[in-house]
Amino acid sequence: MIQDIKAILLDSGRVMNRPATGHWFIPPNFFQFIHPDNFEKIRDIEKNAAFAQAAEQLTFYPLVRTKEEEFNVFMEYYRIFFMSIPRLKATNEQVEGIARDLVYNPEKYEFIPDALDTIPRLAKSYKLAIVSDAWPSLEDVYTHAGMRDYFSAFILSSQIGVNKPDPFIYHAALDALGVNPQEALFVDDNPKNCDGARQLGIHTALLCRDRTEYYLMRLIRRNHPVIHSLSDLPGLLKS
Protein backbone atom coordinates (compact mmCIF):
# COMPACT_ATOMS: atom_id res chain seq x y z
CA MET A 1 0.00 0.00 0.00
CA ILE A 2 1.21 3.50 -0.83
CA GLN A 3 -0.34 6.07 1.46
CA ASP A 4 0.18 9.69 2.52
CA ILE A 5 1.78 10.66 -0.79
CA LYS A 6 2.01 14.39 -1.44
CA ALA A 7 4.24 14.46 -4.53
CA ILE A 8 5.01 12.37 -7.61
CA LEU A 9 8.38 12.51 -9.37
CA LEU A 10 8.34 11.25 -12.95
CA ASP A 11 10.99 10.37 -15.47
CA SER A 12 10.33 11.81 -18.93
CA GLY A 13 11.69 9.63 -21.74
CA ARG A 14 9.57 6.51 -22.32
CA VAL A 15 7.50 7.42 -19.27
CA MET A 16 5.95 10.67 -20.46
CA ASN A 17 7.07 10.89 -24.07
CA ARG A 18 9.06 9.27 -26.88
CA PRO A 19 10.89 10.50 -29.99
CA ALA A 20 8.54 11.43 -32.82
CA THR A 21 10.78 9.65 -35.34
CA GLY A 22 11.39 6.57 -33.19
CA HIS A 23 15.04 7.55 -32.56
CA TRP A 24 16.17 10.03 -29.92
CA PHE A 25 18.87 11.55 -32.13
CA ILE A 26 17.04 11.66 -35.46
CA PRO A 27 14.95 14.83 -35.12
CA PRO A 28 11.78 15.40 -37.18
CA ASN A 29 13.44 17.24 -40.07
CA PHE A 30 16.57 15.07 -40.28
CA PHE A 31 15.70 13.83 -43.77
CA GLN A 32 15.29 17.34 -45.09
CA PHE A 33 19.05 17.61 -44.64
CA ILE A 34 20.15 14.03 -45.37
CA HIS A 35 18.58 12.15 -48.26
CA PRO A 36 16.71 9.14 -46.83
CA ASP A 37 17.90 6.83 -49.61
CA ASN A 38 21.53 7.63 -48.85
CA PHE A 39 20.95 7.09 -45.15
CA GLU A 40 19.24 3.75 -45.74
CA LYS A 41 22.23 2.52 -47.74
CA ILE A 42 24.38 2.73 -44.61
CA ARG A 43 24.41 -0.53 -42.68
CA ASP A 44 22.77 -0.43 -39.27
CA ILE A 45 25.99 -1.56 -37.62
CA GLU A 46 27.79 1.47 -39.07
CA LYS A 47 25.06 3.88 -38.03
CA ASN A 48 24.91 2.46 -34.53
CA ALA A 49 28.69 2.70 -34.21
CA ALA A 50 28.59 6.33 -35.36
CA PHE A 51 25.86 7.17 -32.85
CA ALA A 52 27.86 5.46 -30.11
CA GLN A 53 31.01 7.37 -31.00
CA ALA A 54 29.14 10.66 -31.03
CA ALA A 55 27.52 9.82 -27.69
CA GLU A 56 30.96 9.62 -26.08
CA GLN A 57 31.21 13.36 -26.70
CA LEU A 58 28.22 13.99 -24.46
CA THR A 59 30.08 12.76 -21.39
CA PHE A 60 32.41 15.77 -21.62
CA TYR A 61 29.54 18.16 -20.83
CA PRO A 62 28.19 17.37 -17.35
CA LEU A 63 26.71 20.87 -17.05
CA VAL A 64 24.62 22.31 -19.88
CA ARG A 65 22.32 24.96 -18.49
CA THR A 66 20.93 26.71 -21.57
CA LYS A 67 19.60 25.78 -24.98
CA GLU A 68 22.44 27.74 -26.57
CA GLU A 69 24.96 25.55 -24.75
CA GLU A 70 22.95 22.48 -25.73
CA PHE A 71 23.04 23.54 -29.37
CA ASN A 72 26.84 23.82 -29.26
CA VAL A 73 27.07 20.35 -27.70
CA PHE A 74 24.97 18.82 -30.45
CA MET A 75 26.81 20.65 -33.20
CA GLU A 76 29.87 18.72 -32.06
CA TYR A 77 27.81 15.55 -31.61
CA TYR A 78 26.64 15.56 -35.23
CA ARG A 79 30.06 16.56 -36.54
CA ILE A 80 31.45 13.42 -34.96
CA PHE A 81 28.52 11.34 -36.19
CA PHE A 82 28.92 12.39 -39.82
CA MET A 83 32.72 12.19 -39.70
CA SER A 84 32.20 8.53 -38.79
CA ILE A 85 30.09 8.05 -41.95
CA PRO A 86 31.96 10.09 -44.58
CA ARG A 87 29.87 8.62 -47.41
CA LEU A 88 26.97 10.83 -46.34
CA LYS A 89 29.10 13.90 -47.16
CA ALA A 90 27.26 16.12 -44.69
CA THR A 91 28.11 19.81 -44.96
CA ASN A 92 28.49 22.22 -42.05
CA GLU A 93 25.13 23.71 -42.99
CA GLN A 94 23.47 20.29 -42.80
CA VAL A 95 25.10 19.55 -39.45
CA GLU A 96 23.92 22.89 -38.10
CA GLY A 97 20.39 22.35 -39.41
CA ILE A 98 20.08 18.94 -37.78
CA ALA A 99 21.51 20.16 -34.47
CA ARG A 100 19.15 23.13 -34.51
CA ASP A 101 16.19 20.84 -35.23
CA LEU A 102 17.09 18.57 -32.31
CA VAL A 103 17.41 21.43 -29.85
CA TYR A 104 14.82 23.96 -30.97
CA ASN A 105 12.02 21.83 -32.42
CA PRO A 106 9.46 21.34 -29.61
CA GLU A 107 7.73 18.61 -31.62
CA LYS A 108 10.75 16.29 -31.52
CA TYR A 109 8.99 14.18 -28.89
CA GLU A 110 5.40 13.01 -28.75
CA PHE A 111 3.51 12.48 -25.53
CA ILE A 112 2.25 9.00 -24.77
CA PRO A 113 -1.57 9.00 -24.60
CA ASP A 114 -1.83 7.72 -21.03
CA ALA A 115 0.43 10.58 -19.90
CA LEU A 116 -1.81 13.16 -21.55
CA ASP A 117 -4.81 11.60 -19.83
CA THR A 118 -3.37 10.89 -16.38
CA ILE A 119 -1.14 13.86 -15.57
CA PRO A 120 -3.96 16.46 -15.46
CA ARG A 121 -5.85 14.21 -13.05
CA LEU A 122 -2.85 13.66 -10.79
CA ALA A 123 -2.01 17.37 -10.75
CA LYS A 124 -5.30 18.05 -8.97
CA SER A 125 -4.20 16.05 -5.92
CA TYR A 126 -0.38 15.92 -5.93
CA LYS A 127 2.64 18.10 -6.53
CA LEU A 128 4.38 16.86 -9.68
CA ALA A 129 7.99 17.07 -10.85
CA ILE A 130 9.92 15.86 -13.86
CA VAL A 131 13.22 14.20 -12.89
CA SER A 132 15.02 13.29 -16.08
CA ASP A 133 18.46 12.65 -17.53
CA ALA A 134 17.81 15.19 -20.25
CA TRP A 135 18.72 18.53 -21.82
CA PRO A 136 17.40 22.07 -21.28
CA SER A 137 15.24 22.00 -24.43
CA LEU A 138 13.01 19.33 -22.88
CA GLU A 139 11.08 22.00 -21.03
CA ASP A 140 10.03 23.60 -24.34
CA VAL A 141 8.56 20.26 -25.43
CA TYR A 142 6.26 20.33 -22.40
CA THR A 143 5.36 23.98 -22.85
CA HIS A 144 4.52 23.49 -26.53
CA ALA A 145 2.26 20.54 -25.70
CA GLY A 146 0.47 22.42 -22.91
CA MET A 147 1.90 20.08 -20.26
CA ARG A 148 4.44 22.29 -18.46
CA ASP A 149 2.04 23.95 -16.03
CA TYR A 150 1.13 20.63 -14.43
CA PHE A 151 4.65 20.36 -12.98
CA SER A 152 5.87 22.40 -10.04
CA ALA A 153 9.51 21.46 -10.68
CA PHE A 154 11.65 20.44 -13.64
CA ILE A 155 14.87 18.73 -12.54
CA LEU A 156 17.20 17.94 -15.46
CA SER A 157 20.52 16.16 -15.13
CA SER A 158 22.26 18.49 -17.58
CA GLN A 159 21.42 21.51 -15.44
CA ILE A 160 22.54 20.10 -12.09
CA GLY A 161 25.51 18.02 -13.24
CA VAL A 162 24.52 14.49 -12.17
CA ASN A 163 22.44 11.66 -13.61
CA LYS A 164 20.11 9.27 -11.88
CA PRO A 165 20.57 7.35 -9.64
CA ASP A 166 22.84 9.92 -7.95
CA PRO A 167 21.09 10.90 -4.69
CA PHE A 168 21.54 14.61 -5.43
CA ILE A 169 19.04 14.60 -8.30
CA TYR A 170 16.29 13.09 -6.13
CA HIS A 171 17.03 15.48 -3.27
CA ALA A 172 16.87 18.40 -5.70
CA ALA A 173 13.34 17.36 -6.66
CA LEU A 174 12.23 16.81 -3.07
CA ASP A 175 13.60 20.20 -2.03
CA ALA A 176 11.93 21.92 -4.98
CA LEU A 177 8.56 20.44 -3.99
CA GLY A 178 9.07 20.88 -0.25
CA VAL A 179 8.36 17.25 0.67
CA ASN A 180 10.11 14.49 2.60
CA PRO A 181 11.19 11.24 0.88
CA GLN A 182 8.39 9.29 2.55
CA GLU A 183 5.85 11.70 1.07
CA ALA A 184 6.98 11.16 -2.53
CA LEU A 185 6.50 8.54 -5.22
CA PHE A 186 9.07 8.16 -8.00
CA VAL A 187 8.10 6.64 -11.37
CA ASP A 188 10.73 5.43 -13.85
CA ASP A 189 11.17 2.70 -16.44
CA ASN A 190 14.72 1.90 -15.28
CA PRO A 191 15.00 -0.43 -12.24
CA LYS A 192 18.36 1.09 -11.24
CA ASN A 193 16.81 4.54 -10.99
CA CYS A 194 13.98 3.15 -8.88
CA ASP A 195 16.54 1.40 -6.67
CA GLY A 196 18.33 4.72 -6.15
CA ALA A 197 15.14 6.46 -5.10
CA ARG A 198 14.08 3.67 -2.75
CA GLN A 199 17.45 3.78 -0.97
CA LEU A 200 16.56 7.34 0.04
CA GLY A 201 13.19 6.31 1.42
CA ILE A 202 11.18 7.44 -1.61
CA HIS A 203 8.30 5.22 -2.69
CA THR A 204 8.70 3.85 -6.21
CA ALA A 205 6.76 2.47 -9.15
CA LEU A 206 8.52 0.73 -12.04
CA LEU A 207 6.86 1.38 -15.40
CA CYS A 208 6.99 -1.43 -17.97
CA ARG A 209 5.00 -0.63 -21.09
CA ASP A 210 5.98 -3.85 -22.85
CA ARG A 211 3.46 -6.49 -21.80
CA THR A 212 5.96 -9.36 -21.63
CA GLU A 213 8.45 -7.29 -19.66
CA TYR A 214 5.65 -6.15 -17.36
CA TYR A 215 4.84 -9.69 -16.27
CA LEU A 216 8.52 -10.57 -15.95
CA MET A 217 9.26 -7.54 -13.78
CA ARG A 218 6.32 -8.35 -11.54
CA LEU A 219 7.99 -11.69 -10.85
CA ILE A 220 11.57 -10.56 -10.33
CA ARG A 221 11.23 -6.96 -9.06
CA ARG A 222 9.33 -7.48 -5.84
CA ASN A 223 10.92 -4.40 -4.25
CA HIS A 224 8.99 -2.05 -6.58
CA PRO A 225 5.32 -2.01 -7.53
CA VAL A 226 5.23 -2.58 -11.30
CA ILE A 227 2.76 -0.70 -13.48
CA HIS A 228 1.97 -1.11 -17.17
CA SER A 229 0.71 2.43 -17.78
CA LEU A 230 0.59 5.78 -16.02
CA SER A 231 -3.16 5.25 -15.86
CA ASP A 232 -2.39 2.61 -13.19
CA LEU A 233 -1.08 5.27 -10.80
CA PRO A 234 -4.38 6.56 -9.36
CA GLY A 235 -5.36 3.03 -8.38
CA LEU A 236 -1.93 2.34 -6.90
CA LEU A 237 -2.14 5.46 -4.76
CA LYS A 238 -5.64 4.60 -3.55
CA SER A 239 -4.81 1.00 -2.65
C-alpha atoms as a PDB file:
ATOM      1  CA  MET A   1       0.000   0.000   0.000  1.00  0.00           C
ATOM      2  CA  ILE A   2       1.212   3.495  -0.835  1.00  0.00           C
ATOM      3  CA  GLN A   3      -0.339   6.068   1.461  1.00  0.00           C
ATOM      4  CA  ASP A   4       0.176   9.687   2.518  1.00  0.00           C
ATOM      5  CA  ILE A   5       1.780  10.657  -0.786  1.00  0.00           C
ATOM      6  CA  LYS A   6       2.009  14.389  -1.445  1.00  0.00           C
ATOM      7  CA  ALA A   7       4.237  14.455  -4.530  1.00  0.00           C
ATOM      8  CA  ILE A   8       5.013  12.372  -7.607  1.00  0.00           C
ATOM      9  CA  LEU A   9       8.381  12.509  -9.372  1.00  0.00           C
ATOM     10  CA  LEU A  10       8.337  11.253 -12.948  1.00  0.00           C
ATOM     11  CA  ASP A  11      10.987  10.373 -15.472  1.00  0.00           C
ATOM     12  CA  SER A  12      10.332  11.813 -18.929  1.00  0.00           C
ATOM     13  CA  GLY A  13      11.695   9.628 -21.737  1.00  0.00           C
ATOM     14  CA  ARG A  14       9.571   6.509 -22.325  1.00  0.00           C
ATOM     15  CA  VAL A  15       7.496   7.418 -19.272  1.00  0.00           C
ATOM     16  CA  MET A  16       5.953  10.673 -20.461  1.00  0.00           C
ATOM     17  CA  ASN A  17       7.073  10.889 -24.069  1.00  0.00           C
ATOM     18  CA  ARG A  18       9.056   9.273 -26.878  1.00  0.00           C
ATOM     19  CA  PRO A  19      10.888  10.501 -29.993  1.00  0.00           C
ATOM     20  CA  ALA A  20       8.544  11.434 -32.816  1.00  0.00           C
ATOM     21  CA  THR A  21      10.782   9.645 -35.338  1.00  0.00           C
ATOM     22  CA  GLY A  22      11.393   6.574 -33.190  1.00  0.00           C
ATOM     23  CA  HIS A  23      15.037   7.554 -32.562  1.00  0.00           C
ATOM     24  CA  TRP A  24      16.172  10.029 -29.918  1.00  0.00           C
ATOM     25  CA  PHE A  25      18.871  11.552 -32.134  1.00  0.00           C
ATOM     26  CA  ILE A  26      17.042  11.658 -35.455  1.00  0.00           C
ATOM     27  CA  PRO A  27      14.947  14.828 -35.124  1.00  0.00           C
ATOM     28  CA  PRO A  28      11.776  15.395 -37.178  1.00  0.00           C
ATOM     29  CA  ASN A  29      13.444  17.236 -40.073  1.00  0.00           C
ATOM     30  CA  PHE A  30      16.568  15.068 -40.280  1.00  0.00           C
ATOM     31  CA  PHE A  31      15.703  13.827 -43.767  1.00  0.00           C
ATOM     32  CA  GLN A  32      15.290  17.336 -45.086  1.00  0.00           C
ATOM     33  CA  PHE A  33      19.050  17.611 -44.640  1.00  0.00           C
ATOM     34  CA  ILE A  34      20.149  14.031 -45.366  1.00  0.00           C
ATOM     35  CA  HIS A  35      18.576  12.151 -48.262  1.00  0.00           C
ATOM     36  CA  PRO A  36      16.714   9.143 -46.826  1.00  0.00           C
ATOM     37  CA  ASP A  37      17.897   6.827 -49.611  1.00  0.00           C
ATOM     38  CA  ASN A  38      21.527   7.634 -48.850  1.00  0.00           C
ATOM     39  CA  PHE A  39      20.946   7.091 -45.151  1.00  0.00           C
ATOM     40  CA  GLU A  40      19.238   3.746 -45.737  1.00  0.00           C
ATOM     41  CA  LYS A  41      22.230   2.521 -47.736  1.00  0.00           C
ATOM     42  CA  ILE A  42      24.384   2.726 -44.610  1.00  0.00           C
ATOM     43  CA  ARG A  43      24.411  -0.532 -42.680  1.00  0.00           C
ATOM     44  CA  ASP A  44      22.769  -0.427 -39.268  1.00  0.00           C
ATOM     45  CA  ILE A  45      25.989  -1.564 -37.623  1.00  0.00           C
ATOM     46  CA  GLU A  46      27.786   1.473 -39.069  1.00  0.00           C
ATOM     47  CA  LYS A  47      25.056   3.882 -38.032  1.00  0.00           C
ATOM     48  CA  ASN A  48      24.914   2.456 -34.527  1.00  0.00           C
ATOM     49  CA  ALA A  49      28.691   2.696 -34.209  1.00  0.00           C
ATOM     50  CA  ALA A  50      28.587   6.326 -35.357  1.00  0.00           C
ATOM     51  CA  PHE A  51      25.856   7.175 -32.853  1.00  0.00           C
ATOM     52  CA  ALA A  52      27.858   5.462 -30.109  1.00  0.00           C
ATOM     53  CA  GLN A  53      31.012   7.367 -31.002  1.00  0.00           C
ATOM     54  CA  ALA A  54      29.141  10.663 -31.034  1.00  0.00           C
ATOM     55  CA  ALA A  55      27.524   9.820 -27.688  1.00  0.00           C
ATOM     56  CA  GLU A  56      30.965   9.622 -26.079  1.00  0.00           C
ATOM     57  CA  GLN A  57      31.212  13.359 -26.705  1.00  0.00           C
ATOM     58  CA  LEU A  58      28.217  13.994 -24.464  1.00  0.00           C
ATOM     59  CA  THR A  59      30.080  12.760 -21.387  1.00  0.00           C
ATOM     60  CA  PHE A  60      32.405  15.771 -21.619  1.00  0.00           C
ATOM     61  CA  TYR A  61      29.537  18.157 -20.834  1.00  0.00           C
ATOM     62  CA  PRO A  62      28.186  17.374 -17.345  1.00  0.00           C
ATOM     63  CA  LEU A  63      26.707  20.872 -17.046  1.00  0.00           C
ATOM     64  CA  VAL A  64      24.621  22.306 -19.882  1.00  0.00           C
ATOM     65  CA  ARG A  65      22.323  24.957 -18.488  1.00  0.00           C
ATOM     66  CA  THR A  66      20.932  26.713 -21.574  1.00  0.00           C
ATOM     67  CA  LYS A  67      19.601  25.785 -24.985  1.00  0.00           C
ATOM     68  CA  GLU A  68      22.440  27.743 -26.567  1.00  0.00           C
ATOM     69  CA  GLU A  69      24.960  25.545 -24.748  1.00  0.00           C
ATOM     70  CA  GLU A  70      22.948  22.480 -25.727  1.00  0.00           C
ATOM     71  CA  PHE A  71      23.038  23.542 -29.373  1.00  0.00           C
ATOM     72  CA  ASN A  72      26.836  23.817 -29.259  1.00  0.00           C
ATOM     73  CA  VAL A  73      27.067  20.353 -27.704  1.00  0.00           C
ATOM     74  CA  PHE A  74      24.973  18.816 -30.455  1.00  0.00           C
ATOM     75  CA  MET A  75      26.807  20.651 -33.202  1.00  0.00           C
ATOM     76  CA  GLU A  76      29.866  18.720 -32.064  1.00  0.00           C
ATOM     77  CA  TYR A  77      27.807  15.550 -31.606  1.00  0.00           C
ATOM     78  CA  TYR A  78      26.638  15.560 -35.231  1.00  0.00           C
ATOM     79  CA  ARG A  79      30.057  16.564 -36.542  1.00  0.00           C
ATOM     80  CA  ILE A  80      31.454  13.417 -34.958  1.00  0.00           C
ATOM     81  CA  PHE A  81      28.520  11.344 -36.188  1.00  0.00           C
ATOM     82  CA  PHE A  82      28.923  12.387 -39.817  1.00  0.00           C
ATOM     83  CA  MET A  83      32.719  12.187 -39.696  1.00  0.00           C
ATOM     84  CA  SER A  84      32.196   8.526 -38.786  1.00  0.00           C
ATOM     85  CA  ILE A  85      30.091   8.054 -41.947  1.00  0.00           C
ATOM     86  CA  PRO A  86      31.961  10.092 -44.584  1.00  0.00           C
ATOM     87  CA  ARG A  87      29.868   8.619 -47.409  1.00  0.00           C
ATOM     88  CA  LEU A  88      26.970  10.831 -46.345  1.00  0.00           C
ATOM     89  CA  LYS A  89      29.104  13.899 -47.165  1.00  0.00           C
ATOM     90  CA  ALA A  90      27.260  16.116 -44.694  1.00  0.00           C
ATOM     91  CA  THR A  91      28.112  19.805 -44.963  1.00  0.00           C
ATOM     92  CA  ASN A  92      28.491  22.217 -42.053  1.00  0.00           C
ATOM     93  CA  GLU A  93      25.127  23.711 -42.992  1.00  0.00           C
ATOM     94  CA  GLN A  94      23.472  20.294 -42.799  1.00  0.00           C
ATOM     95  CA  VAL A  95      25.101  19.550 -39.450  1.00  0.00           C
ATOM     96  CA  GLU A  96      23.919  22.885 -38.096  1.00  0.00           C
ATOM     97  CA  GLY A  97      20.390  22.350 -39.407  1.00  0.00           C
ATOM     98  CA  ILE A  98      20.080  18.939 -37.784  1.00  0.00           C
ATOM     99  CA  ALA A  99      21.505  20.160 -34.467  1.00  0.00           C
ATOM    100  CA  ARG A 100      19.152  23.128 -34.513  1.00  0.00           C
ATOM    101  CA  ASP A 101      16.190  20.840 -35.227  1.00  0.00           C
ATOM    102  CA  LEU A 102      17.087  18.568 -32.312  1.00  0.00           C
ATOM    103  CA  VAL A 103      17.412  21.426 -29.846  1.00  0.00           C
ATOM    104  CA  TYR A 104      14.819  23.962 -30.965  1.00  0.00           C
ATOM    105  CA  ASN A 105      12.022  21.827 -32.422  1.00  0.00           C
ATOM    106  CA  PRO A 106       9.456  21.336 -29.615  1.00  0.00           C
ATOM    107  CA  GLU A 107       7.732  18.609 -31.622  1.00  0.00           C
ATOM    108  CA  LYS A 108      10.753  16.293 -31.525  1.00  0.00           C
ATOM    109  CA  TYR A 109       8.989  14.184 -28.887  1.00  0.00           C
ATOM    110  CA  GLU A 110       5.400  13.007 -28.754  1.00  0.00           C
ATOM    111  CA  PHE A 111       3.511  12.476 -25.529  1.00  0.00           C
ATOM    112  CA  ILE A 112       2.253   9.005 -24.773  1.00  0.00           C
ATOM    113  CA  PRO A 113      -1.574   9.000 -24.603  1.00  0.00           C
ATOM    114  CA  ASP A 114      -1.834   7.722 -21.033  1.00  0.00           C
ATOM    115  CA  ALA A 115       0.434  10.578 -19.895  1.00  0.00           C
ATOM    116  CA  LEU A 116      -1.809  13.157 -21.547  1.00  0.00           C
ATOM    117  CA  ASP A 117      -4.809  11.604 -19.830  1.00  0.00           C
ATOM    118  CA  THR A 118      -3.370  10.886 -16.380  1.00  0.00           C
ATOM    119  CA  ILE A 119      -1.139  13.865 -15.573  1.00  0.00           C
ATOM    120  CA  PRO A 120      -3.964  16.464 -15.456  1.00  0.00           C
ATOM    121  CA  ARG A 121      -5.854  14.208 -13.052  1.00  0.00           C
ATOM    122  CA  LEU A 122      -2.846  13.658 -10.794  1.00  0.00           C
ATOM    123  CA  ALA A 123      -2.007  17.367 -10.745  1.00  0.00           C
ATOM    124  CA  LYS A 124      -5.296  18.055  -8.966  1.00  0.00           C
ATOM    125  CA  SER A 125      -4.198  16.050  -5.918  1.00  0.00           C
ATOM    126  CA  TYR A 126      -0.382  15.920  -5.926  1.00  0.00           C
ATOM    127  CA  LYS A 127       2.642  18.098  -6.530  1.00  0.00           C
ATOM    128  CA  LEU A 128       4.377  16.865  -9.681  1.00  0.00           C
ATOM    129  CA  ALA A 129       7.987  17.067 -10.846  1.00  0.00           C
ATOM    130  CA  ILE A 130       9.918  15.859 -13.862  1.00  0.00           C
ATOM    131  CA  VAL A 131      13.217  14.202 -12.886  1.00  0.00           C
ATOM    132  CA  SER A 132      15.021  13.292 -16.077  1.00  0.00           C
ATOM    133  CA  ASP A 133      18.459  12.653 -17.533  1.00  0.00           C
ATOM    134  CA  ALA A 134      17.808  15.194 -20.248  1.00  0.00           C
ATOM    135  CA  TRP A 135      18.725  18.526 -21.818  1.00  0.00           C
ATOM    136  CA  PRO A 136      17.396  22.073 -21.282  1.00  0.00           C
ATOM    137  CA  SER A 137      15.243  21.997 -24.435  1.00  0.00           C
ATOM    138  CA  LEU A 138      13.010  19.332 -22.883  1.00  0.00           C
ATOM    139  CA  GLU A 139      11.075  22.004 -21.026  1.00  0.00           C
ATOM    140  CA  ASP A 140      10.029  23.600 -24.335  1.00  0.00           C
ATOM    141  CA  VAL A 141       8.556  20.265 -25.427  1.00  0.00           C
ATOM    142  CA  TYR A 142       6.263  20.328 -22.400  1.00  0.00           C
ATOM    143  CA  THR A 143       5.361  23.984 -22.847  1.00  0.00           C
ATOM    144  CA  HIS A 144       4.521  23.486 -26.528  1.00  0.00           C
ATOM    145  CA  ALA A 145       2.260  20.535 -25.699  1.00  0.00           C
ATOM    146  CA  GLY A 146       0.470  22.416 -22.914  1.00  0.00           C
ATOM    147  CA  MET A 147       1.904  20.085 -20.256  1.00  0.00           C
ATOM    148  CA  ARG A 148       4.440  22.291 -18.462  1.00  0.00           C
ATOM    149  CA  ASP A 149       2.035  23.953 -16.033  1.00  0.00           C
ATOM    150  CA  TYR A 150       1.131  20.633 -14.428  1.00  0.00           C
ATOM    151  CA  PHE A 151       4.646  20.365 -12.984  1.00  0.00           C
ATOM    152  CA  SER A 152       5.875  22.402 -10.036  1.00  0.00           C
ATOM    153  CA  ALA A 153       9.509  21.463 -10.684  1.00  0.00           C
ATOM    154  CA  PHE A 154      11.651  20.441 -13.644  1.00  0.00           C
ATOM    155  CA  ILE A 155      14.869  18.725 -12.541  1.00  0.00           C
ATOM    156  CA  LEU A 156      17.197  17.942 -15.456  1.00  0.00           C
ATOM    157  CA  SER A 157      20.523  16.158 -15.134  1.00  0.00           C
ATOM    158  CA  SER A 158      22.265  18.494 -17.579  1.00  0.00           C
ATOM    159  CA  GLN A 159      21.418  21.512 -15.440  1.00  0.00           C
ATOM    160  CA  ILE A 160      22.536  20.095 -12.090  1.00  0.00           C
ATOM    161  CA  GLY A 161      25.505  18.017 -13.242  1.00  0.00           C
ATOM    162  CA  VAL A 162      24.522  14.491 -12.165  1.00  0.00           C
ATOM    163  CA  ASN A 163      22.443  11.662 -13.609  1.00  0.00           C
ATOM    164  CA  LYS A 164      20.105   9.268 -11.881  1.00  0.00           C
ATOM    165  CA  PRO A 165      20.565   7.353  -9.636  1.00  0.00           C
ATOM    166  CA  ASP A 166      22.838   9.921  -7.952  1.00  0.00           C
ATOM    167  CA  PRO A 167      21.091  10.904  -4.688  1.00  0.00           C
ATOM    168  CA  PHE A 168      21.537  14.610  -5.432  1.00  0.00           C
ATOM    169  CA  ILE A 169      19.039  14.601  -8.296  1.00  0.00           C
ATOM    170  CA  TYR A 170      16.290  13.095  -6.128  1.00  0.00           C
ATOM    171  CA  HIS A 171      17.032  15.485  -3.266  1.00  0.00           C
ATOM    172  CA  ALA A 172      16.866  18.403  -5.698  1.00  0.00           C
ATOM    173  CA  ALA A 173      13.344  17.359  -6.661  1.00  0.00           C
ATOM    174  CA  LEU A 174      12.234  16.809  -3.065  1.00  0.00           C
ATOM    175  CA  ASP A 175      13.602  20.202  -2.029  1.00  0.00           C
ATOM    176  CA  ALA A 176      11.927  21.918  -4.978  1.00  0.00           C
ATOM    177  CA  LEU A 177       8.563  20.442  -3.985  1.00  0.00           C
ATOM    178  CA  GLY A 178       9.067  20.878  -0.249  1.00  0.00           C
ATOM    179  CA  VAL A 179       8.357  17.249   0.670  1.00  0.00           C
ATOM    180  CA  ASN A 180      10.107  14.489   2.596  1.00  0.00           C
ATOM    181  CA  PRO A 181      11.193  11.245   0.880  1.00  0.00           C
ATOM    182  CA  GLN A 182       8.391   9.290   2.552  1.00  0.00           C
ATOM    183  CA  GLU A 183       5.850  11.701   1.068  1.00  0.00           C
ATOM    184  CA  ALA A 184       6.977  11.161  -2.530  1.00  0.00           C
ATOM    185  CA  LEU A 185       6.495   8.538  -5.221  1.00  0.00           C
ATOM    186  CA  PHE A 186       9.071   8.164  -8.000  1.00  0.00           C
ATOM    187  CA  VAL A 187       8.104   6.643 -11.372  1.00  0.00           C
ATOM    188  CA  ASP A 188      10.730   5.432 -13.852  1.00  0.00           C
ATOM    189  CA  ASP A 189      11.170   2.696 -16.443  1.00  0.00           C
ATOM    190  CA  ASN A 190      14.722   1.897 -15.280  1.00  0.00           C
ATOM    191  CA  PRO A 191      15.002  -0.426 -12.243  1.00  0.00           C
ATOM    192  CA  LYS A 192      18.363   1.093 -11.238  1.00  0.00           C
ATOM    193  CA  ASN A 193      16.809   4.536 -10.989  1.00  0.00           C
ATOM    194  CA  CYS A 194      13.978   3.152  -8.880  1.00  0.00           C
ATOM    195  CA  ASP A 195      16.542   1.405  -6.669  1.00  0.00           C
ATOM    196  CA  GLY A 196      18.334   4.720  -6.146  1.00  0.00           C
ATOM    197  CA  ALA A 197      15.138   6.459  -5.100  1.00  0.00           C
ATOM    198  CA  ARG A 198      14.083   3.675  -2.754  1.00  0.00           C
ATOM    199  CA  GLN A 199      17.446   3.785  -0.974  1.00  0.00           C
ATOM    200  CA  LEU A 200      16.561   7.343   0.043  1.00  0.00           C
ATOM    201  CA  GLY A 201      13.185   6.314   1.419  1.00  0.00           C
ATOM    202  CA  ILE A 202      11.182   7.441  -1.613  1.00  0.00           C
ATOM    203  CA  HIS A 203       8.298   5.221  -2.687  1.00  0.00           C
ATOM    204  CA  THR A 204       8.698   3.849  -6.206  1.00  0.00           C
ATOM    205  CA  ALA A 205       6.760   2.468  -9.153  1.00  0.00           C
ATOM    206  CA  LEU A 206       8.523   0.731 -12.037  1.00  0.00           C
ATOM    207  CA  LEU A 207       6.857   1.383 -15.395  1.00  0.00           C
ATOM    208  CA  CYS A 208       6.990  -1.434 -17.969  1.00  0.00           C
ATOM    209  CA  ARG A 209       4.995  -0.632 -21.086  1.00  0.00           C
ATOM    210  CA  ASP A 210       5.978  -3.847 -22.853  1.00  0.00           C
ATOM    211  CA  ARG A 211       3.456  -6.488 -21.802  1.00  0.00           C
ATOM    212  CA  THR A 212       5.960  -9.362 -21.626  1.00  0.00           C
ATOM    213  CA  GLU A 213       8.454  -7.287 -19.658  1.00  0.00           C
ATOM    214  CA  TYR A 214       5.651  -6.150 -17.365  1.00  0.00           C
ATOM    215  CA  TYR A 215       4.836  -9.690 -16.268  1.00  0.00           C
ATOM    216  CA  LEU A 216       8.525 -10.573 -15.952  1.00  0.00           C
ATOM    217  CA  MET A 217       9.263  -7.536 -13.783  1.00  0.00           C
ATOM    218  CA  ARG A 218       6.316  -8.354 -11.544  1.00  0.00           C
ATOM    219  CA  LEU A 219       7.987 -11.691 -10.850  1.00  0.00           C
ATOM    220  CA  ILE A 220      11.574 -10.559 -10.325  1.00  0.00           C
ATOM    221  CA  ARG A 221      11.234  -6.960  -9.061  1.00  0.00           C
ATOM    222  CA  ARG A 222       9.333  -7.478  -5.841  1.00  0.00           C
ATOM    223  CA  ASN A 223      10.921  -4.395  -4.253  1.00  0.00           C
ATOM    224  CA  HIS A 224       8.990  -2.052  -6.583  1.00  0.00           C
ATOM    225  CA  PRO A 225       5.318  -2.013  -7.533  1.00  0.00           C
ATOM    226  CA  VAL A 226       5.229  -2.584 -11.302  1.00  0.00           C
ATOM    227  CA  ILE A 227       2.761  -0.699 -13.485  1.00  0.00           C
ATOM    228  CA  HIS A 228       1.968  -1.110 -17.172  1.00  0.00           C
ATOM    229  CA  SER A 229       0.711   2.426 -17.777  1.00  0.00           C
ATOM    230  CA  LEU A 230       0.588   5.779 -16.015  1.00  0.00           C
ATOM    231  CA  SER A 231      -3.156   5.253 -15.859  1.00  0.00           C
ATOM    232  CA  ASP A 232      -2.394   2.609 -13.194  1.00  0.00           C
ATOM    233  CA  LEU A 233      -1.085   5.274 -10.803  1.00  0.00           C
ATOM    234  CA  PRO A 234      -4.378   6.561  -9.358  1.00  0.00           C
ATOM    235  CA  GLY A 235      -5.359   3.031  -8.378  1.00  0.00           C
ATOM    236  CA  LEU A 236      -1.930   2.344  -6.898  1.00  0.00           C
ATOM    237  CA  LEU A 237      -2.140   5.461  -4.764  1.00  0.00           C
ATOM    238  CA  LYS A 238      -5.638   4.604  -3.548  1.00  0.00           C
ATOM    239  CA  SER A 239      -4.808   1.003  -2.651  1.00  0.00           C
END
